[in-house]
Amino acid sequence: MFTKIFPKIHTEGYKFLVIAGFVTIILLFFSGFLGAIGLLLTVWVYYFFRDPERVIIEDDNYLVSPADGEVIKVEEVDGPKEVGLENKKFKKISIFMNVFDCHVNRTPCSGKVEDILYKPGKFFNASLDKASEDNERNYYKIKDKSGNDIIVVQIAGLIARRIVCETDNGQDLNQGDRIGMIRFGSRADVYYENYEPLVKVGQKTISGETLLAKK
């Protein structure tokens, strides 16, 4: 029960928590009202960087959500050219993470990481279509156990200013393993083949738990 109310936080969050706490103490010297605002900010920083445990289905017939958020796109597209798949057709699901969602990202499937590619870019609102092409982003090309290409793209948003990758090329992943996070509002795109979508636009997702697609 305690860990559900007070989940652990991602290591990226500790320095921000310390900064927020320090600012709160400074503000308290000026007024109780400003101190209260600082305290609320500190609580929000803790909440933003939370990293709760998730119950993973561990079934290779499904893809699970890489992110908490809201489904904003379910469509068929060309594969991302950045990882050399522009000549293949993929289904794509886009998930928008607002500043209140958990921002720790997880792999949709078990498999091997074949490529990781970081692309610098702009910081448009992550819910816009052009964010997939123009914003700062990080690609994970994963080969699932059936030989399918699964691509997860972390996309920085209007407020986000850093993508954190915690995965290495050649690494073997189990479904639902943490692969990284994005700071302060962002988006995750999933490109996949040979699965059928199980979600629709407007649906809320939970990283590692919501079933996105099925073989």
N, C-alpha and C. Protein backbone atom coordinates (compact mmCIF):
# COMPACT_ATOMS: atom_id res chain seq x y z
N MET A 1 0.83 -1.21 0.00
CA MET A 1 0.00 0.00 0.00
C MET A 1 0.87 1.26 0.00
N PHE A 2 1.93 1.23 0.82
CA PHE A 2 2.80 2.42 0.93
C PHE A 2 3.42 2.78 -0.41
N THR A 3 3.90 1.75 -1.15
CA THR A 3 4.56 2.01 -2.43
C THR A 3 3.58 2.49 -3.49
N LYS A 4 2.28 2.18 -3.33
CA LYS A 4 1.29 2.68 -4.28
C LYS A 4 1.03 4.16 -4.06
N ILE A 5 1.06 4.58 -2.78
CA ILE A 5 0.84 5.99 -2.46
C ILE A 5 2.12 6.80 -2.69
N PHE A 6 3.25 6.19 -2.34
CA PHE A 6 4.54 6.87 -2.49
C PHE A 6 5.49 5.97 -3.29
N PRO A 7 5.29 5.89 -4.61
CA PRO A 7 6.17 5.05 -5.42
C PRO A 7 7.59 5.61 -5.46
N LYS A 8 8.54 4.75 -5.78
CA LYS A 8 9.91 5.22 -5.94
C LYS A 8 9.96 6.20 -7.10
N ILE A 9 11.01 7.01 -7.15
CA ILE A 9 11.15 7.95 -8.26
C ILE A 9 12.34 7.56 -9.12
N HIS A 10 12.29 7.98 -10.35
CA HIS A 10 13.38 7.73 -11.29
C HIS A 10 14.61 8.51 -10.84
N THR A 11 15.79 7.95 -11.11
CA THR A 11 17.04 8.60 -10.68
C THR A 11 17.19 10.01 -11.26
N GLU A 12 16.58 10.25 -12.43
CA GLU A 12 16.63 11.59 -13.02
C GLU A 12 15.94 12.63 -12.14
N GLY A 13 15.05 12.17 -11.26
CA GLY A 13 14.25 13.10 -10.49
C GLY A 13 14.91 13.63 -9.23
N TYR A 14 15.94 12.96 -8.73
CA TYR A 14 16.51 13.34 -7.44
C TYR A 14 17.05 14.77 -7.44
N LYS A 15 17.78 15.13 -8.47
CA LYS A 15 18.36 16.48 -8.48
C LYS A 15 17.27 17.55 -8.56
N PHE A 16 16.21 17.27 -9.31
CA PHE A 16 15.11 18.24 -9.41
C PHE A 16 14.36 18.33 -8.08
N LEU A 17 14.25 17.21 -7.38
CA LEU A 17 13.59 17.22 -6.09
C LEU A 17 14.39 18.04 -5.08
N VAL A 18 15.71 17.89 -5.11
CA VAL A 18 16.56 18.67 -4.21
C VAL A 18 16.46 20.16 -4.53
N ILE A 19 16.48 20.49 -5.83
CA ILE A 19 16.37 21.90 -6.23
C ILE A 19 15.04 22.49 -5.79
N ALA A 20 13.96 21.74 -6.02
CA ALA A 20 12.63 22.22 -5.63
C ALA A 20 12.53 22.40 -4.12
N GLY A 21 13.10 21.46 -3.37
CA GLY A 21 13.08 21.58 -1.92
C GLY A 21 13.87 22.79 -1.44
N PHE A 22 15.02 23.02 -2.07
CA PHE A 22 15.86 24.18 -1.70
C PHE A 22 15.13 25.49 -2.00
N VAL A 23 14.49 25.56 -3.17
CA VAL A 23 13.73 26.76 -3.53
C VAL A 23 12.59 26.99 -2.55
N THR A 24 11.93 25.90 -2.13
CA THR A 24 10.84 26.01 -1.16
C THR A 24 11.33 26.63 0.15
N ILE A 25 12.48 26.20 0.63
CA ILE A 25 13.04 26.74 1.88
C ILE A 25 13.33 28.23 1.73
N ILE A 26 13.90 28.62 0.59
CA ILE A 26 14.19 30.03 0.33
C ILE A 26 12.90 30.85 0.32
N LEU A 27 11.88 30.33 -0.35
CA LEU A 27 10.61 31.04 -0.45
C LEU A 27 9.94 31.22 0.91
N LEU A 28 10.13 30.24 1.79
CA LEU A 28 9.54 30.33 3.13
C LEU A 28 10.08 31.52 3.92
N PHE A 29 11.30 31.93 3.62
CA PHE A 29 11.88 33.09 4.30
C PHE A 29 11.15 34.38 3.91
N PHE A 30 10.53 34.38 2.72
CA PHE A 30 9.83 35.58 2.25
C PHE A 30 8.37 35.59 2.69
N SER A 31 7.68 34.44 2.54
CA SER A 31 6.29 34.37 2.99
C SER A 31 5.80 32.94 3.00
N GLY A 32 4.81 32.71 3.87
CA GLY A 32 4.22 31.38 3.93
C GLY A 32 3.51 31.00 2.65
N PHE A 33 2.91 32.02 1.99
CA PHE A 33 2.20 31.75 0.74
C PHE A 33 3.16 31.25 -0.34
N LEU A 34 4.31 31.95 -0.50
CA LEU A 34 5.30 31.52 -1.49
C LEU A 34 5.88 30.16 -1.11
N GLY A 35 6.04 29.93 0.19
CA GLY A 35 6.53 28.63 0.62
C GLY A 35 5.56 27.51 0.27
N ALA A 36 4.26 27.80 0.39
CA ALA A 36 3.25 26.81 0.03
C ALA A 36 3.29 26.48 -1.46
N ILE A 37 3.51 27.52 -2.27
CA ILE A 37 3.64 27.30 -3.71
C ILE A 37 4.86 26.42 -4.00
N GLY A 38 5.96 26.73 -3.30
CA GLY A 38 7.17 25.92 -3.47
C GLY A 38 6.95 24.48 -3.06
N LEU A 39 6.18 24.27 -1.98
CA LEU A 39 5.89 22.92 -1.53
C LEU A 39 5.07 22.16 -2.55
N LEU A 40 4.08 22.84 -3.14
CA LEU A 40 3.27 22.21 -4.18
C LEU A 40 4.13 21.84 -5.38
N LEU A 41 5.07 22.72 -5.73
CA LEU A 41 6.00 22.44 -6.83
C LEU A 41 6.85 21.21 -6.52
N THR A 42 7.32 21.11 -5.28
CA THR A 42 8.14 19.97 -4.87
C THR A 42 7.35 18.67 -4.96
N VAL A 43 6.09 18.71 -4.52
CA VAL A 43 5.23 17.53 -4.60
C VAL A 43 5.02 17.12 -6.06
N TRP A 44 4.81 18.14 -6.92
CA TRP A 44 4.61 17.83 -8.34
C TRP A 44 5.86 17.21 -8.95
N VAL A 45 7.05 17.72 -8.59
CA VAL A 45 8.31 17.15 -9.11
C VAL A 45 8.41 15.68 -8.71
N TYR A 46 8.11 15.39 -7.46
CA TYR A 46 8.12 13.99 -7.01
C TYR A 46 7.13 13.16 -7.83
N TYR A 47 5.94 13.70 -8.03
CA TYR A 47 4.89 12.99 -8.75
C TYR A 47 5.30 12.76 -10.20
N PHE A 48 5.91 13.76 -10.83
CA PHE A 48 6.29 13.64 -12.23
C PHE A 48 7.32 12.54 -12.43
N PHE A 49 8.28 12.43 -11.52
CA PHE A 49 9.37 11.48 -11.69
C PHE A 49 9.07 10.12 -11.05
N ARG A 50 7.83 9.88 -10.68
CA ARG A 50 7.50 8.59 -10.08
C ARG A 50 7.78 7.45 -11.05
N ASP A 51 8.17 6.32 -10.52
CA ASP A 51 8.52 5.16 -11.34
C ASP A 51 7.90 3.91 -10.71
N PRO A 52 6.58 3.79 -10.79
CA PRO A 52 5.90 2.66 -10.12
C PRO A 52 6.17 1.34 -10.82
N GLU A 53 6.07 0.27 -10.06
CA GLU A 53 6.15 -1.06 -10.64
C GLU A 53 4.88 -1.35 -11.43
N ARG A 54 4.99 -2.13 -12.47
CA ARG A 54 3.84 -2.47 -13.30
C ARG A 54 3.73 -3.98 -13.46
N VAL A 55 2.52 -4.46 -13.67
CA VAL A 55 2.27 -5.89 -13.86
C VAL A 55 2.31 -6.17 -15.37
N ILE A 56 3.30 -6.91 -15.81
CA ILE A 56 3.53 -7.17 -17.24
C ILE A 56 2.90 -8.51 -17.63
N ILE A 57 2.22 -8.54 -18.76
CA ILE A 57 1.55 -9.76 -19.19
C ILE A 57 2.53 -10.86 -19.57
N GLU A 58 3.71 -10.50 -20.07
CA GLU A 58 4.74 -11.46 -20.48
C GLU A 58 4.19 -12.48 -21.48
N ASP A 59 3.58 -11.96 -22.53
CA ASP A 59 3.00 -12.80 -23.58
C ASP A 59 3.44 -12.23 -24.92
N ASP A 60 4.19 -13.02 -25.70
CA ASP A 60 4.74 -12.55 -26.98
C ASP A 60 3.68 -12.35 -28.05
N ASN A 61 2.44 -12.71 -27.76
CA ASN A 61 1.36 -12.48 -28.72
C ASN A 61 0.82 -11.05 -28.65
N TYR A 62 1.30 -10.28 -27.69
CA TYR A 62 0.80 -8.92 -27.50
C TYR A 62 1.94 -7.91 -27.48
N LEU A 63 1.60 -6.67 -27.83
CA LEU A 63 2.46 -5.53 -27.58
C LEU A 63 1.82 -4.72 -26.46
N VAL A 64 2.64 -4.29 -25.49
CA VAL A 64 2.11 -3.47 -24.40
C VAL A 64 2.52 -2.01 -24.63
N SER A 65 1.83 -1.13 -23.98
CA SER A 65 2.09 0.30 -24.17
C SER A 65 3.47 0.68 -23.64
N PRO A 66 4.21 1.51 -24.40
CA PRO A 66 5.50 1.99 -23.92
C PRO A 66 5.36 3.19 -22.98
N ALA A 67 4.15 3.74 -22.85
CA ALA A 67 4.00 5.00 -22.12
C ALA A 67 2.63 5.13 -21.49
N ASP A 68 2.57 5.86 -20.38
CA ASP A 68 1.31 6.33 -19.83
C ASP A 68 0.84 7.51 -20.68
N GLY A 69 -0.43 7.62 -20.93
CA GLY A 69 -0.90 8.78 -21.69
C GLY A 69 -2.20 8.52 -22.40
N GLU A 70 -2.39 9.22 -23.51
CA GLU A 70 -3.62 9.13 -24.31
C GLU A 70 -3.27 8.81 -25.76
N VAL A 71 -3.96 7.84 -26.32
CA VAL A 71 -3.76 7.49 -27.73
C VAL A 71 -4.29 8.62 -28.61
N ILE A 72 -3.41 9.18 -29.46
CA ILE A 72 -3.84 10.28 -30.33
C ILE A 72 -3.80 9.90 -31.81
N LYS A 73 -3.18 8.76 -32.14
CA LYS A 73 -3.13 8.30 -33.52
C LYS A 73 -3.09 6.78 -33.57
N VAL A 74 -3.87 6.19 -34.47
CA VAL A 74 -3.77 4.78 -34.84
C VAL A 74 -3.88 4.76 -36.35
N GLU A 75 -2.79 4.47 -37.04
CA GLU A 75 -2.79 4.63 -38.50
C GLU A 75 -1.77 3.71 -39.15
N GLU A 76 -1.86 3.60 -40.49
CA GLU A 76 -0.87 2.86 -41.26
C GLU A 76 0.02 3.86 -41.98
N VAL A 77 1.34 3.67 -41.87
CA VAL A 77 2.30 4.64 -42.40
C VAL A 77 3.51 3.91 -42.97
N ASP A 78 4.37 4.65 -43.65
CA ASP A 78 5.69 4.13 -44.02
C ASP A 78 6.54 4.07 -42.76
N GLY A 79 7.48 3.14 -42.72
CA GLY A 79 8.37 3.04 -41.59
C GLY A 79 9.28 4.25 -41.49
N PRO A 80 9.86 4.50 -40.34
CA PRO A 80 10.74 5.66 -40.17
C PRO A 80 12.03 5.54 -40.98
N LYS A 81 12.30 6.56 -41.76
CA LYS A 81 13.49 6.54 -42.62
C LYS A 81 14.78 6.59 -41.81
N GLU A 82 14.69 7.13 -40.60
CA GLU A 82 15.89 7.26 -39.77
C GLU A 82 16.54 5.92 -39.45
N VAL A 83 15.74 4.85 -39.43
CA VAL A 83 16.30 3.52 -39.16
C VAL A 83 16.19 2.62 -40.39
N GLY A 84 16.05 3.24 -41.58
CA GLY A 84 16.11 2.52 -42.84
C GLY A 84 14.89 1.69 -43.18
N LEU A 85 13.72 2.06 -42.67
CA LEU A 85 12.51 1.26 -42.91
C LEU A 85 11.45 2.02 -43.68
N GLU A 86 11.87 3.05 -44.43
CA GLU A 86 10.90 3.88 -45.13
C GLU A 86 10.19 3.15 -46.27
N ASN A 87 10.71 2.00 -46.71
CA ASN A 87 10.09 1.26 -47.80
C ASN A 87 9.18 0.12 -47.32
N LYS A 88 8.93 0.08 -46.03
CA LYS A 88 8.03 -0.93 -45.47
C LYS A 88 6.81 -0.24 -44.85
N LYS A 89 5.68 -0.90 -44.91
CA LYS A 89 4.47 -0.39 -44.28
C LYS A 89 4.36 -0.89 -42.84
N PHE A 90 4.00 0.02 -41.97
CA PHE A 90 3.82 -0.31 -40.56
C PHE A 90 2.50 0.27 -40.06
N LYS A 91 1.96 -0.32 -39.04
CA LYS A 91 0.92 0.34 -38.26
C LYS A 91 1.64 1.18 -37.20
N LYS A 92 1.03 2.29 -36.84
CA LYS A 92 1.66 3.21 -35.89
C LYS A 92 0.63 3.67 -34.86
N ILE A 93 1.03 3.61 -33.61
CA ILE A 93 0.21 4.14 -32.52
C ILE A 93 1.01 5.24 -31.83
N SER A 94 0.39 6.40 -31.67
CA SER A 94 1.03 7.54 -31.00
C SER A 94 0.33 7.80 -29.67
N ILE A 95 1.14 7.98 -28.63
CA ILE A 95 0.63 8.21 -27.28
C ILE A 95 1.17 9.53 -26.75
N PHE A 96 0.27 10.43 -26.37
CA PHE A 96 0.68 11.73 -25.84
C PHE A 96 0.73 11.68 -24.32
N MET A 97 1.86 12.12 -23.76
CA MET A 97 2.05 12.17 -22.30
C MET A 97 1.98 13.62 -21.84
N ASN A 98 1.01 13.95 -21.00
CA ASN A 98 0.99 15.30 -20.45
C ASN A 98 1.85 15.37 -19.19
N VAL A 99 1.95 16.54 -18.59
CA VAL A 99 2.90 16.72 -17.48
C VAL A 99 2.46 16.01 -16.21
N PHE A 100 1.27 15.41 -16.20
CA PHE A 100 0.82 14.67 -15.02
C PHE A 100 0.97 13.15 -15.19
N ASP A 101 1.33 12.71 -16.39
CA ASP A 101 1.53 11.28 -16.64
C ASP A 101 2.91 10.83 -16.17
N CYS A 102 3.01 9.55 -15.82
CA CYS A 102 4.32 8.95 -15.56
C CYS A 102 5.10 8.93 -16.87
N HIS A 103 6.36 9.36 -16.84
CA HIS A 103 7.13 9.50 -18.07
C HIS A 103 8.22 8.44 -18.27
N VAL A 104 8.19 7.38 -17.48
CA VAL A 104 9.12 6.27 -17.67
C VAL A 104 8.59 5.40 -18.80
N ASN A 105 9.42 5.13 -19.80
CA ASN A 105 9.01 4.36 -20.97
C ASN A 105 9.49 2.91 -20.89
N ARG A 106 8.71 2.01 -21.47
CA ARG A 106 8.99 0.57 -21.41
C ARG A 106 8.90 -0.04 -22.81
N THR A 107 9.58 -1.17 -23.00
CA THR A 107 9.53 -1.84 -24.29
C THR A 107 8.21 -2.59 -24.46
N PRO A 108 7.59 -2.48 -25.65
CA PRO A 108 6.31 -3.17 -25.90
C PRO A 108 6.42 -4.68 -25.97
N CYS A 109 7.63 -5.18 -26.24
CA CYS A 109 7.80 -6.61 -26.48
C CYS A 109 9.16 -7.07 -25.98
N SER A 110 9.30 -8.37 -25.87
CA SER A 110 10.63 -8.94 -25.64
C SER A 110 11.37 -8.99 -26.97
N GLY A 111 12.68 -8.90 -26.91
CA GLY A 111 13.47 -8.95 -28.15
C GLY A 111 14.83 -8.33 -27.96
N LYS A 112 15.53 -8.15 -29.08
CA LYS A 112 16.88 -7.59 -29.06
C LYS A 112 16.87 -6.20 -29.68
N VAL A 113 17.57 -5.28 -29.04
CA VAL A 113 17.72 -3.92 -29.57
C VAL A 113 18.73 -3.96 -30.71
N GLU A 114 18.27 -3.68 -31.94
CA GLU A 114 19.15 -3.71 -33.11
C GLU A 114 19.77 -2.35 -33.42
N ASP A 115 19.10 -1.28 -32.99
CA ASP A 115 19.63 0.05 -33.30
C ASP A 115 18.99 1.06 -32.35
N ILE A 116 19.79 2.05 -31.94
CA ILE A 116 19.30 3.20 -31.19
C ILE A 116 19.83 4.44 -31.88
N LEU A 117 18.95 5.35 -32.21
CA LEU A 117 19.36 6.54 -32.97
C LEU A 117 18.72 7.78 -32.37
N TYR A 118 19.56 8.72 -31.96
CA TYR A 118 19.09 9.99 -31.42
C TYR A 118 19.11 11.05 -32.50
N LYS A 119 18.02 11.82 -32.61
CA LYS A 119 17.94 12.91 -33.58
C LYS A 119 17.62 14.21 -32.84
N PRO A 120 18.51 15.19 -32.89
CA PRO A 120 18.16 16.49 -32.30
C PRO A 120 17.06 17.15 -33.11
N GLY A 121 16.35 18.08 -32.51
CA GLY A 121 15.27 18.73 -33.25
C GLY A 121 14.64 19.85 -32.47
N LYS A 122 13.42 20.19 -32.86
CA LYS A 122 12.70 21.31 -32.27
C LYS A 122 11.83 20.83 -31.11
N PHE A 123 11.01 21.74 -30.59
CA PHE A 123 10.18 21.41 -29.43
C PHE A 123 8.76 21.91 -29.63
N PHE A 124 8.13 21.42 -30.73
CA PHE A 124 6.72 21.71 -30.94
C PHE A 124 5.88 20.93 -29.93
N ASN A 125 4.63 21.33 -29.78
CA ASN A 125 3.71 20.56 -28.96
C ASN A 125 3.70 19.12 -29.45
N ALA A 126 3.93 18.16 -28.54
CA ALA A 126 4.09 16.76 -28.94
C ALA A 126 2.82 16.15 -29.51
N SER A 127 1.67 16.79 -29.32
CA SER A 127 0.43 16.24 -29.86
C SER A 127 0.26 16.55 -31.35
N LEU A 128 1.08 17.44 -31.90
CA LEU A 128 0.98 17.81 -33.31
C LEU A 128 1.62 16.75 -34.20
N ASP A 129 1.08 16.59 -35.41
CA ASP A 129 1.62 15.60 -36.35
C ASP A 129 3.09 15.84 -36.66
N LYS A 130 3.49 17.10 -36.82
CA LYS A 130 4.87 17.40 -37.22
C LYS A 130 5.89 17.09 -36.13
N ALA A 131 5.42 16.82 -34.91
CA ALA A 131 6.35 16.48 -33.84
C ALA A 131 7.12 15.19 -34.16
N SER A 132 6.46 14.24 -34.85
CA SER A 132 7.11 12.97 -35.20
C SER A 132 8.29 13.17 -36.13
N GLU A 133 8.27 14.25 -36.92
CA GLU A 133 9.31 14.49 -37.90
C GLU A 133 10.29 15.59 -37.49
N ASP A 134 9.83 16.56 -36.70
CA ASP A 134 10.64 17.75 -36.43
C ASP A 134 11.22 17.82 -35.03
N ASN A 135 10.60 17.20 -34.04
CA ASN A 135 11.05 17.35 -32.66
C ASN A 135 12.27 16.49 -32.34
N GLU A 136 12.94 16.86 -31.27
CA GLU A 136 13.99 16.00 -30.73
C GLU A 136 13.39 14.63 -30.44
N ARG A 137 14.10 13.55 -30.82
CA ARG A 137 13.53 12.23 -30.65
C ARG A 137 14.62 11.15 -30.59
N ASN A 138 14.24 10.00 -30.09
CA ASN A 138 15.16 8.88 -29.96
C ASN A 138 14.46 7.61 -30.43
N TYR A 139 15.11 6.89 -31.34
CA TYR A 139 14.53 5.68 -31.95
C TYR A 139 15.15 4.42 -31.33
N TYR A 140 14.28 3.46 -31.03
CA TYR A 140 14.72 2.12 -30.62
C TYR A 140 14.17 1.13 -31.64
N LYS A 141 15.05 0.47 -32.37
CA LYS A 141 14.62 -0.58 -33.30
C LYS A 141 14.82 -1.92 -32.61
N ILE A 142 13.70 -2.61 -32.37
CA ILE A 142 13.72 -3.86 -31.61
C ILE A 142 13.22 -4.98 -32.51
N LYS A 143 13.94 -6.09 -32.52
CA LYS A 143 13.50 -7.28 -33.25
C LYS A 143 12.82 -8.21 -32.25
N ASP A 144 11.51 -8.44 -32.43
CA ASP A 144 10.82 -9.30 -31.47
C ASP A 144 11.17 -10.77 -31.72
N LYS A 145 10.65 -11.65 -30.91
CA LYS A 145 11.05 -13.06 -30.97
C LYS A 145 10.56 -13.77 -32.22
N SER A 146 9.61 -13.13 -32.95
CA SER A 146 9.13 -13.70 -34.21
C SER A 146 9.83 -13.08 -35.41
N GLY A 147 10.79 -12.20 -35.16
CA GLY A 147 11.53 -11.57 -36.25
C GLY A 147 10.89 -10.31 -36.79
N ASN A 148 9.85 -9.79 -36.12
CA ASN A 148 9.21 -8.55 -36.54
C ASN A 148 9.99 -7.34 -36.05
N ASP A 149 9.97 -6.28 -36.86
CA ASP A 149 10.57 -5.02 -36.45
C ASP A 149 9.56 -4.21 -35.64
N ILE A 150 9.94 -3.84 -34.43
CA ILE A 150 9.12 -2.98 -33.56
C ILE A 150 9.97 -1.75 -33.26
N ILE A 151 9.45 -0.58 -33.59
CA ILE A 151 10.21 0.66 -33.37
C ILE A 151 9.47 1.52 -32.36
N VAL A 152 10.17 1.90 -31.31
CA VAL A 152 9.64 2.83 -30.32
C VAL A 152 10.38 4.15 -30.48
N VAL A 153 9.64 5.24 -30.55
CA VAL A 153 10.25 6.56 -30.70
C VAL A 153 9.84 7.44 -29.52
N GLN A 154 10.83 7.89 -28.77
CA GLN A 154 10.59 8.88 -27.72
C GLN A 154 10.69 10.26 -28.36
N ILE A 155 9.68 11.09 -28.17
CA ILE A 155 9.63 12.40 -28.81
C ILE A 155 9.48 13.48 -27.75
N ALA A 156 10.42 14.41 -27.72
CA ALA A 156 10.34 15.52 -26.77
C ALA A 156 9.20 16.45 -27.17
N GLY A 157 8.62 17.14 -26.19
CA GLY A 157 7.49 18.02 -26.46
C GLY A 157 7.80 19.48 -26.27
N LEU A 158 6.75 20.26 -26.07
CA LEU A 158 6.87 21.71 -25.94
C LEU A 158 7.68 22.10 -24.73
N ILE A 159 7.52 21.35 -23.64
CA ILE A 159 8.22 21.65 -22.39
C ILE A 159 9.42 20.75 -22.20
N ALA A 160 9.33 19.53 -22.70
CA ALA A 160 10.42 18.57 -22.51
C ALA A 160 11.71 19.08 -23.15
N ARG A 161 12.82 18.85 -22.46
CA ARG A 161 14.10 19.30 -22.98
C ARG A 161 15.19 18.24 -22.89
N ARG A 162 14.80 17.03 -22.49
CA ARG A 162 15.80 15.98 -22.48
C ARG A 162 15.17 14.61 -22.59
N ILE A 163 15.69 13.81 -23.51
CA ILE A 163 15.30 12.41 -23.63
C ILE A 163 16.38 11.58 -22.96
N VAL A 164 15.99 10.69 -22.08
CA VAL A 164 16.92 9.85 -21.35
C VAL A 164 16.82 8.43 -21.88
N CYS A 165 17.93 7.91 -22.39
CA CYS A 165 17.99 6.53 -22.90
C CYS A 165 18.74 5.67 -21.88
N GLU A 166 18.12 4.55 -21.51
CA GLU A 166 18.74 3.65 -20.53
C GLU A 166 18.93 2.25 -21.13
N THR A 167 19.09 2.21 -22.44
CA THR A 167 19.18 0.95 -23.17
C THR A 167 20.40 0.98 -24.08
N ASP A 168 21.00 -0.18 -24.34
CA ASP A 168 22.19 -0.27 -25.19
C ASP A 168 21.90 -1.06 -26.45
N ASN A 169 22.62 -0.75 -27.52
CA ASN A 169 22.55 -1.55 -28.73
C ASN A 169 22.92 -3.00 -28.40
N GLY A 170 22.17 -3.93 -28.97
CA GLY A 170 22.45 -5.34 -28.74
C GLY A 170 21.86 -5.91 -27.46
N GLN A 171 21.22 -5.07 -26.68
CA GLN A 171 20.67 -5.52 -25.40
C GLN A 171 19.44 -6.38 -25.60
N ASP A 172 19.34 -7.46 -24.83
CA ASP A 172 18.13 -8.29 -24.83
C ASP A 172 17.15 -7.71 -23.82
N LEU A 173 15.91 -7.54 -24.25
CA LEU A 173 14.89 -6.95 -23.40
C LEU A 173 13.77 -7.94 -23.15
N ASN A 174 13.22 -7.88 -21.97
CA ASN A 174 11.98 -8.59 -21.66
C ASN A 174 10.83 -7.61 -21.76
N GLN A 175 9.69 -8.09 -22.20
CA GLN A 175 8.52 -7.23 -22.35
C GLN A 175 8.27 -6.42 -21.07
N GLY A 176 8.11 -5.10 -21.25
CA GLY A 176 7.85 -4.23 -20.12
C GLY A 176 9.08 -3.69 -19.42
N ASP A 177 10.28 -4.08 -19.86
CA ASP A 177 11.50 -3.52 -19.27
C ASP A 177 11.56 -2.01 -19.51
N ARG A 178 12.10 -1.28 -18.56
CA ARG A 178 12.29 0.16 -18.72
C ARG A 178 13.37 0.42 -19.78
N ILE A 179 13.10 1.36 -20.69
CA ILE A 179 14.10 1.71 -21.70
C ILE A 179 14.56 3.17 -21.58
N GLY A 180 13.87 3.98 -20.78
CA GLY A 180 14.27 5.37 -20.63
C GLY A 180 13.09 6.22 -20.19
N MET A 181 13.27 7.54 -20.27
CA MET A 181 12.18 8.45 -19.93
C MET A 181 12.37 9.76 -20.67
N ILE A 182 11.33 10.60 -20.65
CA ILE A 182 11.40 11.93 -21.24
C ILE A 182 10.95 12.91 -20.18
N ARG A 183 11.67 14.01 -20.06
CA ARG A 183 11.36 14.96 -19.01
C ARG A 183 10.34 16.00 -19.45
N PHE A 184 9.23 16.09 -18.71
CA PHE A 184 8.28 17.22 -18.75
C PHE A 184 7.42 17.31 -20.01
N GLY A 185 6.60 16.31 -20.26
CA GLY A 185 5.60 16.41 -21.33
C GLY A 185 6.14 15.96 -22.67
N SER A 186 5.53 14.97 -23.30
CA SER A 186 6.16 14.40 -24.49
C SER A 186 5.22 13.40 -25.17
N ARG A 187 5.83 12.52 -25.98
CA ARG A 187 5.04 11.60 -26.80
C ARG A 187 5.87 10.35 -27.11
N ALA A 188 5.18 9.23 -27.30
CA ALA A 188 5.83 8.00 -27.74
C ALA A 188 5.08 7.45 -28.94
N ASP A 189 5.82 7.13 -30.00
CA ASP A 189 5.26 6.47 -31.18
C ASP A 189 5.73 5.03 -31.21
N VAL A 190 4.85 4.12 -31.60
CA VAL A 190 5.20 2.72 -31.78
C VAL A 190 4.86 2.30 -33.20
N TYR A 191 5.86 1.84 -33.94
CA TYR A 191 5.66 1.28 -35.28
C TYR A 191 5.76 -0.25 -35.14
N TYR A 192 4.83 -0.97 -35.77
CA TYR A 192 4.86 -2.43 -35.64
C TYR A 192 4.28 -3.08 -36.88
N GLU A 193 4.63 -4.35 -37.07
CA GLU A 193 4.12 -5.14 -38.19
C GLU A 193 3.60 -6.47 -37.66
N ASN A 194 2.61 -7.01 -38.38
CA ASN A 194 2.05 -8.34 -38.09
C ASN A 194 1.34 -8.43 -36.74
N TYR A 195 0.84 -7.30 -36.26
CA TYR A 195 -0.04 -7.27 -35.09
C TYR A 195 -1.26 -6.43 -35.47
N GLU A 196 -2.38 -6.68 -34.80
CA GLU A 196 -3.58 -5.89 -35.02
C GLU A 196 -3.85 -5.01 -33.80
N PRO A 197 -4.17 -3.73 -34.03
CA PRO A 197 -4.35 -2.81 -32.89
C PRO A 197 -5.53 -3.19 -32.01
N LEU A 198 -5.37 -2.93 -30.72
CA LEU A 198 -6.42 -3.20 -29.74
C LEU A 198 -6.91 -1.91 -29.07
N VAL A 199 -6.32 -0.78 -29.45
CA VAL A 199 -6.70 0.49 -28.82
C VAL A 199 -7.29 1.42 -29.86
N LYS A 200 -7.90 2.50 -29.39
CA LYS A 200 -8.48 3.50 -30.29
C LYS A 200 -8.12 4.89 -29.79
N VAL A 201 -8.27 5.87 -30.67
CA VAL A 201 -7.96 7.26 -30.33
C VAL A 201 -8.80 7.71 -29.14
N GLY A 202 -8.14 8.38 -28.21
CA GLY A 202 -8.82 8.86 -27.01
C GLY A 202 -8.69 7.94 -25.82
N GLN A 203 -8.21 6.72 -26.05
CA GLN A 203 -8.07 5.75 -24.95
C GLN A 203 -6.86 6.08 -24.10
N LYS A 204 -6.97 5.91 -22.79
CA LYS A 204 -5.86 6.10 -21.87
C LYS A 204 -5.04 4.81 -21.80
N THR A 205 -3.73 4.96 -21.67
CA THR A 205 -2.84 3.81 -21.61
C THR A 205 -1.99 3.86 -20.35
N ILE A 206 -1.56 2.68 -19.91
CA ILE A 206 -0.63 2.54 -18.79
C ILE A 206 0.59 1.79 -19.29
N SER A 207 1.75 2.39 -19.10
CA SER A 207 3.00 1.81 -19.59
C SER A 207 3.22 0.42 -19.02
N GLY A 208 3.49 -0.54 -19.91
CA GLY A 208 3.79 -1.91 -19.50
C GLY A 208 2.57 -2.75 -19.25
N GLU A 209 1.39 -2.16 -19.16
CA GLU A 209 0.18 -2.92 -18.81
C GLU A 209 -0.89 -2.91 -19.89
N THR A 210 -1.17 -1.75 -20.49
CA THR A 210 -2.20 -1.68 -21.52
C THR A 210 -1.78 -2.46 -22.75
N LEU A 211 -2.67 -3.31 -23.26
CA LEU A 211 -2.37 -4.10 -24.46
C LEU A 211 -2.66 -3.24 -25.68
N LEU A 212 -1.63 -2.98 -26.48
CA LEU A 212 -1.76 -2.14 -27.67
C LEU A 212 -2.21 -2.91 -28.89
N ALA A 213 -1.66 -4.11 -29.06
CA ALA A 213 -1.91 -4.86 -30.29
C ALA A 213 -1.73 -6.35 -30.03
N LYS A 214 -2.33 -7.17 -30.92
CA LYS A 214 -2.27 -8.61 -30.77
C LYS A 214 -1.98 -9.25 -32.12
N LYS A 215 -1.22 -10.36 -32.12
CA LYS A 215 -0.93 -11.08 -33.35
C LYS A 215 -2.20 -11.75 -33.87
